[in-house]
Protein backbone atom coordinates (compact mmCIF):
# COMPACT_ATOMS: atom_id res chain seq x y z
CA MET A 1 12.43 -6.23 13.59
CA ASP A 2 12.03 -4.92 17.07
CA PRO A 3 13.62 -1.51 17.87
CA GLU A 4 16.87 -3.17 18.96
CA GLY A 5 17.04 -5.21 15.74
CA VAL A 6 17.09 -8.51 17.64
CA GLY A 7 14.03 -10.21 16.18
CA MET A 8 10.47 -9.85 15.07
CA SER A 9 7.96 -8.08 17.21
CA ALA A 10 5.51 -10.51 18.85
CA GLU A 11 2.41 -9.03 17.21
CA PRO A 12 1.83 -8.43 13.49
CA ILE A 13 0.92 -4.87 12.52
CA LEU A 14 -1.23 -6.19 9.65
CA GLN A 15 -2.85 -9.59 9.74
CA ALA A 16 -5.36 -11.55 7.70
CA ARG A 17 -7.04 -14.81 8.70
CA GLY A 18 -9.05 -17.13 6.50
CA LEU A 19 -9.59 -14.69 3.62
CA VAL A 20 -11.86 -16.05 0.90
CA LYS A 21 -12.73 -14.32 -2.36
CA ARG A 22 -14.80 -15.94 -5.09
CA TYR A 23 -15.70 -14.67 -8.54
CA GLY A 24 -18.58 -16.89 -9.58
CA HIS A 25 -17.27 -20.47 -9.62
CA VAL A 26 -13.64 -19.36 -9.42
CA THR A 27 -12.05 -19.18 -5.96
CA ALA A 28 -9.31 -16.54 -6.08
CA LEU A 29 -8.47 -16.75 -2.36
CA ASP A 30 -9.07 -19.94 -0.40
CA HIS A 31 -8.74 -19.24 3.34
CA ALA A 32 -5.53 -17.21 2.97
CA ASP A 33 -3.56 -16.10 6.02
CA PHE A 34 -1.11 -13.19 6.10
CA ASN A 35 1.15 -11.58 8.72
CA LEU A 36 3.18 -8.39 8.37
CA TYR A 37 5.33 -7.39 11.33
CA PRO A 38 6.48 -3.86 12.19
CA GLY A 39 9.61 -2.96 10.23
CA GLU A 40 9.30 -6.00 7.98
CA ILE A 41 9.63 -5.84 4.21
CA LEU A 42 7.60 -8.68 2.77
CA GLY A 43 7.42 -10.00 -0.77
CA VAL A 44 4.37 -11.93 -1.95
CA ILE A 45 5.33 -14.52 -4.54
CA GLY A 46 3.58 -17.44 -6.18
CA ASP A 47 2.40 -18.99 -9.40
CA ASN A 48 0.08 -17.20 -11.81
CA GLY A 49 -3.45 -17.52 -10.50
CA ALA A 50 -2.31 -18.21 -6.92
CA GLY A 51 -4.23 -15.19 -5.56
CA LYS A 52 -1.38 -12.74 -4.88
CA SER A 53 -3.09 -9.76 -6.50
CA THR A 54 -6.43 -10.62 -4.93
CA LEU A 55 -4.80 -10.85 -1.48
CA ILE A 56 -3.18 -7.44 -1.85
CA LYS A 57 -6.41 -5.93 -3.22
CA ALA A 58 -8.30 -7.34 -0.22
CA LEU A 59 -5.75 -5.89 2.22
CA CYS A 60 -5.96 -2.44 0.63
CA GLY A 61 -9.75 -2.25 0.21
CA ALA A 62 -9.89 -2.67 -3.58
CA VAL A 63 -11.92 -5.88 -3.21
CA ILE A 64 -14.08 -7.02 -0.31
CA PRO A 65 -13.39 -10.57 0.89
CA ASP A 66 -16.32 -12.99 1.02
CA ALA A 67 -15.04 -14.44 4.32
CA GLY A 68 -12.24 -13.99 6.83
CA GLU A 69 -10.96 -10.99 8.71
CA ILE A 70 -8.27 -8.36 8.40
CA MET A 71 -6.68 -6.80 11.48
CA LEU A 72 -4.61 -3.65 11.67
CA ALA A 73 -2.70 -3.11 14.92
CA GLY A 74 -4.79 -5.84 16.53
CA LYS A 75 -8.18 -4.38 15.58
CA VAL A 76 -10.52 -5.83 12.97
CA VAL A 77 -10.94 -3.53 9.96
CA ASN A 78 -13.39 -3.71 7.08
CA PHE A 79 -12.06 -1.47 4.32
CA ARG A 80 -14.70 -0.80 1.68
CA THR A 81 -12.46 1.35 -0.53
CA PRO A 82 -8.74 1.92 -1.11
CA LEU A 83 -9.23 5.42 0.30
CA GLU A 84 -10.34 3.95 3.64
CA ALA A 85 -7.22 1.75 3.70
CA ARG A 86 -5.01 4.70 2.74
CA GLU A 87 -6.48 6.78 5.58
CA ALA A 88 -5.54 3.92 7.94
CA GLY A 89 -1.95 3.91 6.60
CA ILE A 90 -2.12 1.11 4.02
CA GLU A 91 -0.88 2.06 0.59
CA THR A 92 -0.46 -0.11 -2.49
CA VAL A 93 1.85 0.30 -5.45
CA TYR A 94 0.35 -1.87 -8.16
CA GLN A 95 2.41 -4.06 -10.48
CA ASP A 96 1.18 -2.27 -13.61
CA LEU A 97 4.21 -0.10 -14.37
CA ALA A 98 2.70 1.54 -17.45
CA LEU A 99 0.24 3.92 -15.82
CA SER A 100 1.83 6.87 -17.57
CA PRO A 101 5.11 6.08 -19.31
CA ALA A 102 5.84 9.81 -19.78
CA LEU A 103 5.95 10.36 -16.00
CA SER A 104 8.74 9.47 -13.57
CA ILE A 105 8.32 6.60 -11.11
CA ALA A 106 7.72 9.08 -8.27
CA ASP A 107 5.12 10.98 -10.31
CA ASN A 108 3.33 7.70 -11.16
CA MET A 109 3.33 6.71 -7.48
CA PHE A 110 1.66 9.99 -6.52
CA LEU A 111 -0.76 10.02 -9.47
CA GLY A 112 -4.21 10.91 -8.15
CA ARG A 113 -2.79 12.20 -4.87
CA GLU A 114 -1.83 15.65 -6.06
CA ILE A 115 -2.37 18.58 -3.73
CA ARG A 116 -5.60 20.29 -4.74
CA LEU A 117 -6.06 23.83 -3.57
CA SER A 118 -8.43 26.64 -4.40
CA GLY A 119 -8.05 30.40 -4.59
CA ARG A 120 -4.71 32.17 -4.33
CA ALA A 121 -2.87 29.09 -3.02
CA ARG A 122 -3.84 27.22 -6.21
CA ALA A 123 -2.11 29.86 -8.35
CA ILE A 124 1.08 29.51 -6.30
CA PHE A 125 1.23 25.72 -6.05
CA SER A 126 0.01 24.94 -9.57
CA HIS A 127 3.05 26.68 -11.05
CA PRO A 128 5.32 24.10 -12.81
CA ARG A 129 8.27 25.06 -10.58
CA SER A 130 6.25 24.32 -7.44
CA GLN A 131 5.17 20.97 -8.87
CA HIS A 132 8.81 20.17 -9.70
CA ASP A 133 9.89 21.09 -6.16
CA ALA A 134 7.09 18.95 -4.65
CA ALA A 135 8.07 15.95 -6.81
CA HIS A 136 11.73 16.45 -5.81
CA CYS A 137 10.76 16.50 -2.10
CA ALA A 138 8.67 13.35 -2.54
CA ARG A 139 11.52 11.50 -4.26
CA LYS A 140 13.95 12.64 -1.56
CA ALA A 141 11.57 11.47 1.19
CA VAL A 142 11.18 8.05 -0.44
CA ARG A 143 14.97 7.67 -0.86
CA THR A 144 15.58 8.79 2.72
CA ARG A 145 13.03 6.31 4.07
CA ILE A 146 14.57 3.47 2.05
CA ASP A 147 18.10 4.49 3.14
CA ASP A 148 17.02 4.67 6.81
CA ASP A 149 15.34 1.25 6.62
CA SER A 150 18.36 -0.38 4.98
CA LYS A 151 20.55 0.60 7.94
CA HIS A 152 18.58 -1.68 10.28
């Protein structure tokens, strides 16, 4: 939606054109196109083997397409790793919900993204209470963002 909520913005914030990904003789993506507009919530659905996971992995740098291009804010990007995509603002929550069944959803979402400090700060922030407070803040931020978006 545009800021006034009237319609979609003219330009996609994230775009893919002609993405191809092959694994040997198997074509997982066959010239796939994708548009994501600012403020849009988009679901990717399709049959098993349709290339949904491969498309998302290509957009977030987990796999490198054999052909095609990905554009972020109108500029061509070539993510070689998920970290590069994350630094550009693209984050992926994978469909595997069983990363660590003992952890909360929020803790699973932030798994591998924990704050790592050294020295005296490490002693303060590695305390279980600090970790609990950080997880609480993260959950609150996610809920607030979802609540704010649902008002539009």
